């Protein structure tokens, strides 16, 4: 996997608007005009990108959309919007974790 050069957040949203619309259930036009909001992100969700060698990137408060030809776009509330090309056997996982911590 290789990270693509950073771009303006709204440009990334515009280029991935169709995939985002399907994932978020919002019209393409609304995403293009307004971008994403804090309500699109969850503290329970993160994205992990893994190489077959074991190299792993974990991005908290994020989700991803994938296109077989373009790769993966990761949208993070605090760390920006990133695009990666995927190579053979690379894995992009969206992980939802609900935790309970019992207080003493």
PDB file of N, CA and C in Angstrom:
ATOM      1  N   UNK A   1       0.846  -1.163   0.000  1.00  0.00           N
ATOM      2  CA  UNK A   1       0.000   0.000   0.000  1.00  0.00           C
ATOM      3  C   UNK A   1       0.888   1.220   0.000  1.00  0.00           C
ATOM      4  N   UNK A   2       0.403   2.234  -0.625  1.00  0.00           N
ATOM      5  CA  UNK A   2       1.142   3.486  -0.695  1.00  0.00           C
ATOM      6  C   UNK A   2       0.164   4.625  -0.481  1.00  0.00           C
ATOM      7  N   UNK A   3       0.544   5.561   0.404  1.00  0.00           N
ATOM      8  CA  UNK A   3      -0.301   6.727   0.622  1.00  0.00           C
ATOM      9  C   UNK A   3      -0.138   7.670  -0.556  1.00  0.00           C
ATOM     10  N   UNK A   4      -1.255   8.142  -1.065  1.00  0.00           N
ATOM     11  CA  UNK A   4      -1.236   9.103  -2.156  1.00  0.00           C
ATOM     12  C   UNK A   4      -0.985  10.500  -1.580  1.00  0.00           C
ATOM     13  N   UNK A   5      -0.528  11.443  -2.401  1.00  0.00           N
ATOM     14  CA  UNK A   5      -0.275  12.794  -1.894  1.00  0.00           C
ATOM     15  C   UNK A   5      -1.538  13.398  -1.268  1.00  0.00           C
ATOM     16  N   UNK A   6      -1.377  14.104  -0.150  1.00  0.00           N
ATOM     17  CA  UNK A   6      -2.537  14.725   0.509  1.00  0.00           C
ATOM     18  C   UNK A   6      -3.215  15.749  -0.402  1.00  0.00           C
ATOM     19  N   UNK A   7      -4.549  15.826  -0.258  1.00  0.00           N
ATOM     20  CA  UNK A   7      -5.334  16.796  -1.026  1.00  0.00           C
ATOM     21  C   UNK A   7      -6.287  17.514  -0.081  1.00  0.00           C
ATOM     22  N   UNK A   8      -6.886  18.572  -0.577  1.00  0.00           N
ATOM     23  CA  UNK A   8      -7.887  19.306   0.192  1.00  0.00           C
ATOM     24  C   UNK A   8      -9.033  18.354   0.555  1.00  0.00           C
ATOM     25  N   UNK A   9      -9.523  18.413   1.799  1.00  0.00           N
ATOM     26  CA  UNK A   9     -10.589  17.499   2.226  1.00  0.00           C
ATOM     27  C   UNK A   9     -11.814  17.491   1.313  1.00  0.00           C
ATOM     28  N   UNK A  10     -12.270  18.661   0.902  1.00  0.00           N
ATOM     29  CA  UNK A  10     -13.476  18.694   0.066  1.00  0.00           C
ATOM     30  C   UNK A  10     -13.235  18.059  -1.301  1.00  0.00           C
ATOM     31  N   UNK A  11     -12.009  18.132  -1.819  1.00  0.00           N
ATOM     32  CA  UNK A  11     -11.680  17.465  -3.088  1.00  0.00           C
ATOM     33  C   UNK A  11     -11.780  15.955  -2.941  1.00  0.00           C
ATOM     34  N   UNK A  12     -11.315  15.433  -1.814  1.00  0.00           N
ATOM     35  CA  UNK A  12     -11.399  13.992  -1.568  1.00  0.00           C
ATOM     36  C   UNK A  12     -12.865  13.575  -1.459  1.00  0.00           C
ATOM     37  N   UNK A  13     -13.660  14.347  -0.736  1.00  0.00           N
ATOM     38  CA  UNK A  13     -15.098  14.040  -0.603  1.00  0.00           C
ATOM     39  C   UNK A  13     -15.757  14.053  -1.970  1.00  0.00           C
ATOM     40  N   UNK A  14     -15.473  15.048  -2.767  1.00  0.00           N
ATOM     41  CA  UNK A  14     -16.087  15.132  -4.106  1.00  0.00           C
ATOM     42  C   UNK A  14     -15.733  13.925  -4.969  1.00  0.00           C
ATOM     43  N   UNK A  15     -14.465  13.515  -4.919  1.00  0.00           N
ATOM     44  CA  UNK A  15     -14.035  12.393  -5.757  1.00  0.00           C
ATOM     45  C   UNK A  15     -14.597  11.050  -5.295  1.00  0.00           C
ATOM     46  N   UNK A  16     -14.966  10.960  -4.025  1.00  0.00           N
ATOM     47  CA  UNK A  16     -15.503   9.715  -3.470  1.00  0.00           C
ATOM     48  C   UNK A  16     -16.980   9.863  -3.102  1.00  0.00           C
ATOM     49  N   UNK A  17     -17.641  10.866  -3.630  1.00  0.00           N
ATOM     50  CA  UNK A  17     -19.021  11.178  -3.236  1.00  0.00           C
ATOM     51  C   UNK A  17     -19.995  10.022  -3.499  1.00  0.00           C
ATOM     52  N   UNK A  18     -19.851   9.311  -4.598  1.00  0.00           N
ATOM     53  CA  UNK A  18     -20.768   8.193  -4.878  1.00  0.00           C
ATOM     54  C   UNK A  18     -20.640   7.098  -3.827  1.00  0.00           C
ATOM     55  N   UNK A  19     -19.414   6.733  -3.497  1.00  0.00           N
ATOM     56  CA  UNK A  19     -19.184   5.699  -2.488  1.00  0.00           C
ATOM     57  C   UNK A  19     -19.629   6.179  -1.100  1.00  0.00           C
ATOM     58  N   UNK A  20     -19.351   7.436  -0.795  1.00  0.00           N
ATOM     59  CA  UNK A  20     -19.781   7.998   0.494  1.00  0.00           C
ATOM     60  C   UNK A  20     -21.300   8.041   0.597  1.00  0.00           C
ATOM     61  N   UNK A  21     -21.960   8.376  -0.504  1.00  0.00           N
ATOM     62  CA  UNK A  21     -23.419   8.426  -0.519  1.00  0.00           C
ATOM     63  C   UNK A  21     -24.005   7.055  -0.183  1.00  0.00           C
ATOM     64  N   UNK A  22     -23.457   6.007  -0.779  1.00  0.00           N
ATOM     65  CA  UNK A  22     -23.933   4.654  -0.497  1.00  0.00           C
ATOM     66  C   UNK A  22     -23.680   4.277   0.956  1.00  0.00           C
ATOM     67  N   UNK A  23     -22.515   4.627   1.467  1.00  0.00           N
ATOM     68  CA  UNK A  23     -22.147   4.245   2.833  1.00  0.00           C
ATOM     69  C   UNK A  23     -22.937   5.021   3.879  1.00  0.00           C
ATOM     70  N   UNK A  24     -23.085   6.321   3.677  1.00  0.00           N
ATOM     71  CA  UNK A  24     -23.696   7.186   4.680  1.00  0.00           C
ATOM     72  C   UNK A  24     -25.197   7.392   4.481  1.00  0.00           C
ATOM     73  N   UNK A  25     -25.701   6.988   3.302  1.00  0.00           N
ATOM     74  CA  UNK A  25     -27.131   7.136   3.037  1.00  0.00           C
ATOM     75  C   UNK A  25     -27.559   8.584   2.845  1.00  0.00           C
ATOM     76  N   UNK A  26     -26.653   9.403   2.331  1.00  0.00           N
ATOM     77  CA  UNK A  26     -26.970  10.799   2.058  1.00  0.00           C
ATOM     78  C   UNK A  26     -26.788  11.068   0.583  1.00  0.00           C
ATOM     79  N   UNK A  27     -27.524  12.031   0.035  1.00  0.00           N
ATOM     80  CA  UNK A  27     -27.391  12.329  -1.399  1.00  0.00           C
ATOM     81  C   UNK A  27     -25.990  12.839  -1.759  1.00  0.00           C
ATOM     82  N   UNK A  28     -25.545  12.476  -2.940  1.00  0.00           N
ATOM     83  CA  UNK A  28     -24.257  12.925  -3.444  1.00  0.00           C
ATOM     84  C   UNK A  28     -24.166  14.447  -3.383  1.00  0.00           C
ATOM     85  N   UNK A  29     -25.233  15.126  -3.800  1.00  0.00           N
ATOM     86  CA  UNK A  29     -25.236  16.588  -3.850  1.00  0.00           C
ATOM     87  C   UNK A  29     -24.981  17.187  -2.463  1.00  0.00           C
ATOM     88  N   UNK A  30     -25.577  16.602  -1.431  1.00  0.00           N
ATOM     89  CA  UNK A  30     -25.392  17.113  -0.066  1.00  0.00           C
ATOM     90  C   UNK A  30     -23.943  16.929   0.379  1.00  0.00           C
ATOM     91  N   UNK A  31     -23.338  15.813   0.022  1.00  0.00           N
ATOM     92  CA  UNK A  31     -21.943  15.566   0.386  1.00  0.00           C
ATOM     93  C   UNK A  31     -21.011  16.519  -0.346  1.00  0.00           C
ATOM     94  N   UNK A  32     -21.264  16.734  -1.627  1.00  0.00           N
ATOM     95  CA  UNK A  32     -20.433  17.636  -2.419  1.00  0.00           C
ATOM     96  C   UNK A  32     -20.557  19.068  -1.910  1.00  0.00           C
ATOM     97  N   UNK A  33     -21.754  19.476  -1.554  1.00  0.00           N
ATOM     98  CA  UNK A  33     -21.975  20.855  -1.098  1.00  0.00           C
ATOM     99  C   UNK A  33     -21.491  21.092   0.328  1.00  0.00           C
ATOM    100  N   UNK A  34     -21.698  20.109   1.207  1.00  0.00           N
ATOM    101  CA  UNK A  34     -21.458  20.329   2.634  1.00  0.00           C
ATOM    102  C   UNK A  34     -20.303  19.536   3.223  1.00  0.00           C
ATOM    103  N   UNK A  35     -19.820  18.526   2.525  1.00  0.00           N
ATOM    104  CA  UNK A  35     -18.767  17.679   3.074  1.00  0.00           C
ATOM    105  C   UNK A  35     -19.297  16.790   4.186  1.00  0.00           C
ATOM    106  N   UNK A  36     -18.411  16.316   5.022  1.00  0.00           N
ATOM    107  CA  UNK A  36     -18.776  15.444   6.135  1.00  0.00           C
ATOM    108  C   UNK A  36     -18.950  16.274   7.404  1.00  0.00           C
ATOM    109  N   UNK A  37     -19.609  15.686   8.389  1.00  0.00           N
ATOM    110  CA  UNK A  37     -19.768  16.360   9.677  1.00  0.00           C
ATOM    111  C   UNK A  37     -19.294  15.432  10.793  1.00  0.00           C
ATOM    112  N   UNK A  38     -19.189  15.964  11.981  1.00  0.00           N
ATOM    113  CA  UNK A  38     -18.765  15.168  13.130  1.00  0.00           C
ATOM    114  C   UNK A  38     -19.706  13.983  13.357  1.00  0.00           C
ATOM    115  N   UNK A  39     -20.961  14.113  12.953  1.00  0.00           N
ATOM    116  CA  UNK A  39     -21.935  13.035  13.132  1.00  0.00           C
ATOM    117  C   UNK A  39     -21.649  11.825  12.243  1.00  0.00           C
ATOM    118  N   UNK A  40     -20.771  11.981  11.258  1.00  0.00           N
ATOM    119  CA  UNK A  40     -20.417  10.862  10.377  1.00  0.00           C
ATOM    120  C   UNK A  40     -19.392   9.920  11.004  1.00  0.00           C
ATOM    121  N   UNK A  41     -18.819  10.320  12.135  1.00  0.00           N
ATOM    122  CA  UNK A  41     -17.745   9.564  12.758  1.00  0.00           C
ATOM    123  C   UNK A  41     -18.188   9.001  14.099  1.00  0.00           C
ATOM    124  N   UNK A  42     -17.567   7.893  14.491  1.00  0.00           N
ATOM    125  CA  UNK A  42     -17.893   7.249  15.755  1.00  0.00           C
ATOM    126  C   UNK A  42     -16.608   6.921  16.510  1.00  0.00           C
ATOM    127  N   UNK A  43     -16.638   7.119  17.818  1.00  0.00           N
ATOM    128  CA  UNK A  43     -15.479   6.758  18.641  1.00  0.00           C
ATOM    129  C   UNK A  43     -15.264   5.244  18.638  1.00  0.00           C
ATOM    130  N   UNK A  44     -16.259   4.483  18.226  1.00  0.00           N
ATOM    131  CA  UNK A  44     -16.170   3.024  18.214  1.00  0.00           C
ATOM    132  C   UNK A  44     -15.575   2.463  16.926  1.00  0.00           C
ATOM    133  N   UNK A  45     -15.315   3.311  15.938  1.00  0.00           N
ATOM    134  CA  UNK A  45     -14.888   2.818  14.626  1.00  0.00           C
ATOM    135  C   UNK A  45     -13.498   3.322  14.275  1.00  0.00           C
ATOM    136  N   UNK A  46     -12.696   2.404  13.742  1.00  0.00           N
ATOM    137  CA  UNK A  46     -11.370   2.767  13.257  1.00  0.00           C
ATOM    138  C   UNK A  46     -11.081   1.964  11.983  1.00  0.00           C
ATOM    139  N   UNK A  47     -10.094   2.408  11.247  1.00  0.00           N
ATOM    140  CA  UNK A  47      -9.659   1.711  10.044  1.00  0.00           C
ATOM    141  C   UNK A  47      -8.257   1.180  10.285  1.00  0.00           C
ATOM    142  N   UNK A  48      -8.046  -0.058   9.873  1.00  0.00           N
ATOM    143  CA  UNK A  48      -6.709  -0.645   9.884  1.00  0.00           C
ATOM    144  C   UNK A  48      -6.339  -1.040   8.468  1.00  0.00           C
ATOM    145  N   UNK A  49      -5.154  -0.643   8.066  1.00  0.00           N
ATOM    146  CA  UNK A  49      -4.589  -1.024   6.777  1.00  0.00           C
ATOM    147  C   UNK A  49      -3.400  -1.927   7.066  1.00  0.00           C
ATOM    148  N   UNK A  50      -3.383  -3.097   6.430  1.00  0.00           N
ATOM    149  CA  UNK A  50      -2.341  -4.092   6.719  1.00  0.00           C
ATOM    150  C   UNK A  50      -1.672  -4.594   5.439  1.00  0.00           C
ATOM    151  N   UNK A  51      -0.363  -4.714   5.522  1.00  0.00           N
ATOM    152  CA  UNK A  51       0.429  -5.325   4.461  1.00  0.00           C
ATOM    153  C   UNK A  51       0.653  -6.785   4.813  1.00  0.00           C
ATOM    154  N   UNK A  52       0.907  -7.642   3.845  1.00  0.00           N
ATOM    155  CA  UNK A  52       1.170  -9.054   4.135  1.00  0.00           C
ATOM    156  C   UNK A  52       2.396  -9.248   5.036  1.00  0.00           C
ATOM    157  N   UNK A  53       3.276  -8.267   5.093  1.00  0.00           N
ATOM    158  CA  UNK A  53       4.482  -8.359   5.917  1.00  0.00           C
ATOM    159  C   UNK A  53       4.188  -8.156   7.398  1.00  0.00           C
ATOM    160  N   UNK A  54       2.964  -7.714   7.727  1.00  0.00           N
ATOM    161  CA  UNK A  54       2.602  -7.450   9.111  1.00  0.00           C
ATOM    162  C   UNK A  54       2.557  -5.968   9.447  1.00  0.00           C
ATOM    163  N   UNK A  55       3.060  -5.118   8.562  1.00  0.00           N
ATOM    164  CA  UNK A  55       2.998  -3.678   8.769  1.00  0.00           C
ATOM    165  C   UNK A  55       1.534  -3.259   8.849  1.00  0.00           C
ATOM    166  N   UNK A  56       1.186  -2.488   9.887  1.00  0.00           N
ATOM    167  CA  UNK A  56      -0.206  -2.092  10.113  1.00  0.00           C
ATOM    168  C   UNK A  56      -0.284  -0.606  10.436  1.00  0.00           C
ATOM    169  N   UNK A  57      -1.269   0.044   9.864  1.00  0.00           N
ATOM    170  CA  UNK A  57      -1.608   1.427  10.197  1.00  0.00           C
ATOM    171  C   UNK A  57      -2.998   1.383  10.804  1.00  0.00           C
ATOM    172  N   UNK A  58      -3.175   2.008  11.964  1.00  0.00           N
ATOM    173  CA  UNK A  58      -4.484   2.080  12.614  1.00  0.00           C
ATOM    174  C   UNK A  58      -4.880   3.546  12.728  1.00  0.00           C
ATOM    175  N   UNK A  59      -6.058   3.884  12.228  1.00  0.00           N
ATOM    176  CA  UNK A  59      -6.520   5.268  12.210  1.00  0.00           C
ATOM    177  C   UNK A  59      -7.823   5.350  13.008  1.00  0.00           C
ATOM    178  N   UNK A  60      -7.776   5.983  14.196  1.00  0.00           N
ATOM    179  CA  UNK A  60      -8.976   6.053  15.038  1.00  0.00           C
ATOM    180  C   UNK A  60     -10.003   7.042  14.509  1.00  0.00           C
ATOM    181  N   UNK A  61     -11.234   6.907  15.007  1.00  0.00           N
ATOM    182  CA  UNK A  61     -12.333   7.811  14.646  1.00  0.00           C
ATOM    183  C   UNK A  61     -12.427   7.964  13.131  1.00  0.00           C
ATOM    184  N   UNK A  62     -12.438   6.837  12.442  1.00  0.00           N
ATOM    185  CA  UNK A  62     -12.422   6.884  10.984  1.00  0.00           C
ATOM    186  C   UNK A  62     -13.280   5.786  10.379  1.00  0.00           C
ATOM    187  N   UNK A  63     -13.538   5.942   9.097  1.00  0.00           N
ATOM    188  CA  UNK A  63     -14.188   4.909   8.292  1.00  0.00           C
ATOM    189  C   UNK A  63     -13.564   4.979   6.908  1.00  0.00           C
ATOM    190  N   UNK A  64     -13.841   3.976   6.070  1.00  0.00           N
ATOM    191  CA  UNK A  64     -13.239   3.971   4.740  1.00  0.00           C
ATOM    192  C   UNK A  64     -14.251   3.565   3.679  1.00  0.00           C
ATOM    193  N   UNK A  65     -13.920   3.932   2.456  1.00  0.00           N
ATOM    194  CA  UNK A  65     -14.627   3.451   1.278  1.00  0.00           C
ATOM    195  C   UNK A  65     -13.561   2.916   0.323  1.00  0.00           C
ATOM    196  N   UNK A  66     -13.938   1.909  -0.448  1.00  0.00           N
ATOM    197  CA  UNK A  66     -12.959   1.207  -1.270  1.00  0.00           C
ATOM    198  C   UNK A  66     -13.459   1.115  -2.701  1.00  0.00           C
ATOM    199  N   UNK A  67     -12.544   1.275  -3.621  1.00  0.00           N
ATOM    200  CA  UNK A  67     -12.801   1.071  -5.040  1.00  0.00           C
ATOM    201  C   UNK A  67     -11.646   0.216  -5.558  1.00  0.00           C
ATOM    202  N   UNK A  68     -11.954  -0.863  -6.245  1.00  0.00           N
ATOM    203  CA  UNK A  68     -10.926  -1.808  -6.694  1.00  0.00           C
ATOM    204  C   UNK A  68      -9.850  -1.143  -7.546  1.00  0.00           C
ATOM    205  N   UNK A  69     -10.210  -0.134  -8.310  1.00  0.00           N
ATOM    206  CA  UNK A  69      -9.234   0.521  -9.189  1.00  0.00           C
ATOM    207  C   UNK A  69      -8.524   1.704  -8.529  1.00  0.00           C
ATOM    208  N   UNK A  70      -9.228   2.442  -7.687  1.00  0.00           N
ATOM    209  CA  UNK A  70      -8.650   3.649  -7.088  1.00  0.00           C
ATOM    210  C   UNK A  70      -7.993   3.397  -5.736  1.00  0.00           C
ATOM    211  N   UNK A  71      -8.334   2.317  -5.080  1.00  0.00           N
ATOM    212  CA  UNK A  71      -7.772   2.015  -3.769  1.00  0.00           C
ATOM    213  C   UNK A  71      -8.763   2.283  -2.662  1.00  0.00           C
ATOM    214  N   UNK A  72      -8.270   2.866  -1.567  1.00  0.00           N
ATOM    215  CA  UNK A  72      -9.112   3.100  -0.396  1.00  0.00           C
ATOM    216  C   UNK A  72      -8.964   4.557   0.032  1.00  0.00           C
ATOM    217  N   UNK A  73     -10.090   5.152   0.417  1.00  0.00           N
ATOM    218  CA  UNK A  73     -10.091   6.489   1.005  1.00  0.00           C
ATOM    219  C   UNK A  73     -10.495   6.338   2.464  1.00  0.00           C
ATOM    220  N   UNK A  74      -9.687   6.888   3.343  1.00  0.00           N
ATOM    221  CA  UNK A  74      -9.939   6.831   4.774  1.00  0.00           C
ATOM    222  C   UNK A  74     -10.319   8.233   5.237  1.00  0.00           C
ATOM    223  N   UNK A  75     -11.468   8.317   5.892  1.00  0.00           N
ATOM    224  CA  UNK A  75     -11.973   9.596   6.382  1.00  0.00           C
ATOM    225  C   UNK A  75     -11.903   9.568   7.906  1.00  0.00           C
ATOM    226  N   UNK A  76     -11.074  10.445   8.463  1.00  0.00           N
ATOM    227  CA  UNK A  76     -10.866  10.490   9.903  1.00  0.00           C
ATOM    228  C   UNK A  76     -11.321  11.843  10.436  1.00  0.00           C
ATOM    229  N   UNK A  77     -11.997  11.820  11.562  1.00  0.00           N
ATOM    230  CA  UNK A  77     -12.493  13.079  12.126  1.00  0.00           C
ATOM    231  C   UNK A  77     -11.346  14.009  12.524  1.00  0.00           C
ATOM    232  N   UNK A  78     -10.273  13.468  13.070  1.00  0.00           N
ATOM    233  CA  UNK A  78      -9.204  14.319  13.590  1.00  0.00           C
ATOM    234  C   UNK A  78      -7.911  14.294  12.780  1.00  0.00           C
ATOM    235  N   UNK A  79      -7.723  13.284  11.955  1.00  0.00           N
ATOM    236  CA  UNK A  79      -6.455  13.134  11.239  1.00  0.00           C
ATOM    237  C   UNK A  79      -6.555  13.382   9.742  1.00  0.00           C
ATOM    238  N   UNK A  80      -7.669  13.911   9.284  1.00  0.00           N
ATOM    239  CA  UNK A  80      -7.818  14.257   7.879  1.00  0.00           C
ATOM    240  C   UNK A  80      -8.312  13.108   7.020  1.00  0.00           C
ATOM    241  N   UNK A  81      -8.334  13.356   5.732  1.00  0.00           N
ATOM    242  CA  UNK A  81      -8.807  12.389   4.751  1.00  0.00           C
ATOM    243  C   UNK A  81      -7.597  11.929   3.944  1.00  0.00           C
ATOM    244  N   UNK A  82      -7.409  10.612   3.878  1.00  0.00           N
ATOM    245  CA  UNK A  82      -6.232  10.041   3.241  1.00  0.00           C
ATOM    246  C   UNK A  82      -6.648   9.029   2.180  1.00  0.00           C
ATOM    247  N   UNK A  83      -5.844   8.953   1.137  1.00  0.00           N
ATOM    248  CA  UNK A  83      -6.085   7.975   0.081  1.00  0.00           C
ATOM    249  C   UNK A  83      -4.854   7.085  -0.053  1.00  0.00           C
ATOM    250  N   UNK A  84      -5.115   5.799  -0.260  1.00  0.00           N
ATOM    251  CA  UNK A  84      -4.042   4.822  -0.396  1.00  0.00           C
ATOM    252  C   UNK A  84      -4.296   3.963  -1.626  1.00  0.00           C
ATOM    253  N   UNK A  85      -3.233   3.645  -2.336  1.00  0.00           N
ATOM    254  CA  UNK A  85      -3.338   2.615  -3.370  1.00  0.00           C
ATOM    255  C   UNK A  85      -3.144   1.285  -2.662  1.00  0.00           C
ATOM    256  N   UNK A  86      -3.790   0.260  -3.162  1.00  0.00           N
ATOM    257  CA  UNK A  86      -3.672  -1.066  -2.564  1.00  0.00           C
ATOM    258  C   UNK A  86      -2.941  -1.990  -3.524  1.00  0.00           C
ATOM    259  N   UNK A  87      -2.052  -2.783  -2.959  1.00  0.00           N
ATOM    260  CA  UNK A  87      -1.308  -3.753  -3.738  1.00  0.00           C
ATOM    261  C   UNK A  87      -1.803  -5.149  -3.378  1.00  0.00           C
ATOM    262  N   UNK A  88      -1.335  -6.136  -4.093  1.00  0.00           N
ATOM    263  CA  UNK A  88      -1.783  -7.505  -3.871  1.00  0.00           C
ATOM    264  C   UNK A  88      -1.640  -7.913  -2.410  1.00  0.00           C
ATOM    265  N   UNK A  89      -2.694  -8.494  -1.876  1.00  0.00           N
ATOM    266  CA  UNK A  89      -2.772  -9.004  -0.507  1.00  0.00           C
ATOM    267  C   UNK A  89      -2.812  -7.933   0.577  1.00  0.00           C
ATOM    268  N   UNK A  90      -2.894  -6.646   0.213  1.00  0.00           N
ATOM    269  CA  UNK A  90      -3.131  -5.603   1.221  1.00  0.00           C
ATOM    270  C   UNK A  90      -4.548  -5.759   1.747  1.00  0.00           C
ATOM    271  N   UNK A  91      -4.768  -5.381   2.992  1.00  0.00           N
ATOM    272  CA  UNK A  91      -6.082  -5.495   3.628  1.00  0.00           C
ATOM    273  C   UNK A  91      -6.482  -4.143   4.202  1.00  0.00           C
ATOM    274  N   UNK A  92      -7.697  -3.729   3.910  1.00  0.00           N
ATOM    275  CA  UNK A  92      -8.289  -2.542   4.520  1.00  0.00           C
ATOM    276  C   UNK A  92      -9.480  -3.023   5.338  1.00  0.00           C
ATOM    277  N   UNK A  93      -9.448  -2.764   6.643  1.00  0.00           N
ATOM    278  CA  UNK A  93     -10.516  -3.231   7.530  1.00  0.00           C
ATOM    279  C   UNK A  93     -11.113  -2.051   8.277  1.00  0.00           C
ATOM    280  N   UNK A  94     -12.425  -2.027   8.328  1.00  0.00           N
ATOM    281  CA  UNK A  94     -13.123  -1.072   9.171  1.00  0.00           C
ATOM    282  C   UNK A  94     -13.559  -1.848  10.405  1.00  0.00           C
ATOM    283  N   UNK A  95     -13.097  -1.421  11.550  1.00  0.00           N
ATOM    284  CA  UNK A  95     -13.315  -2.165  12.789  1.00  0.00           C
ATOM    285  C   UNK A  95     -14.209  -1.369  13.716  1.00  0.00           C
ATOM    286  N   UNK A  96     -15.287  -2.003  14.147  1.00  0.00           N
ATOM    287  CA  UNK A  96     -16.205  -1.400  15.107  1.00  0.00           C
ATOM    288  C   UNK A  96     -16.021  -2.141  16.418  1.00  0.00           C
ATOM    289  N   UNK A  97     -15.711  -1.397  17.461  1.00  0.00           N
ATOM    290  CA  UNK A  97     -15.431  -1.998  18.753  1.00  0.00           C
ATOM    291  C   UNK A  97     -16.279  -1.306  19.823  1.00  0.00           C
ATOM    292  N   UNK A  98     -17.113  -2.071  20.449  1.00  0.00           N
ATOM    293  CA  UNK A  98     -17.922  -1.562  21.559  1.00  0.00           C
ATOM    294  C   UNK A  98     -17.299  -2.095  22.842  1.00  0.00           C
ATOM    295  N   UNK A  99     -16.822  -1.202  23.679  1.00  0.00           N
ATOM    296  CA  UNK A  99     -16.113  -1.610  24.885  1.00  0.00           C
ATOM    297  C   UNK A  99     -16.899  -1.251  26.132  1.00  0.00           C
ATOM    298  N   UNK A 100     -16.749  -2.088  27.108  1.00  0.00           N
ATOM    299  CA  UNK A 100     -17.317  -1.823  28.428  1.00  0.00           C
ATOM    300  C   UNK A 100     -16.168  -1.891  29.427  1.00  0.00           C
ATOM    301  N   UNK A 101     -15.988  -0.852  30.178  1.00  0.00           N
ATOM    302  CA  UNK A 101     -14.943  -0.837  31.202  1.00  0.00           C
ATOM    303  C   UNK A 101     -15.615  -0.730  32.552  1.00  0.00           C
ATOM    304  N   UNK A 102     -15.483  -1.763  33.341  1.00  0.00           N
ATOM    305  CA  UNK A 102     -16.124  -1.804  34.644  1.00  0.00           C
ATOM    306  C   UNK A 102     -15.302  -1.017  35.658  1.00  0.00           C
ATOM    307  N   UNK A 103     -15.933  -0.070  36.299  1.00  0.00           N
ATOM    308  CA  UNK A 103     -15.249   0.749  37.296  1.00  0.00           C
ATOM    309  C   UNK A 103     -15.129   0.010  38.624  1.00  0.00           C
ATOM    310  N   UNK A 104     -14.100   0.326  39.344  1.00  0.00           N
ATOM    311  CA  UNK A 104     -13.872  -0.323  40.638  1.00  0.00           C
ATOM    312  C   UNK A 104     -14.635   0.378  41.739  1.00  0.00           C
TER     313      UNK A 104
END
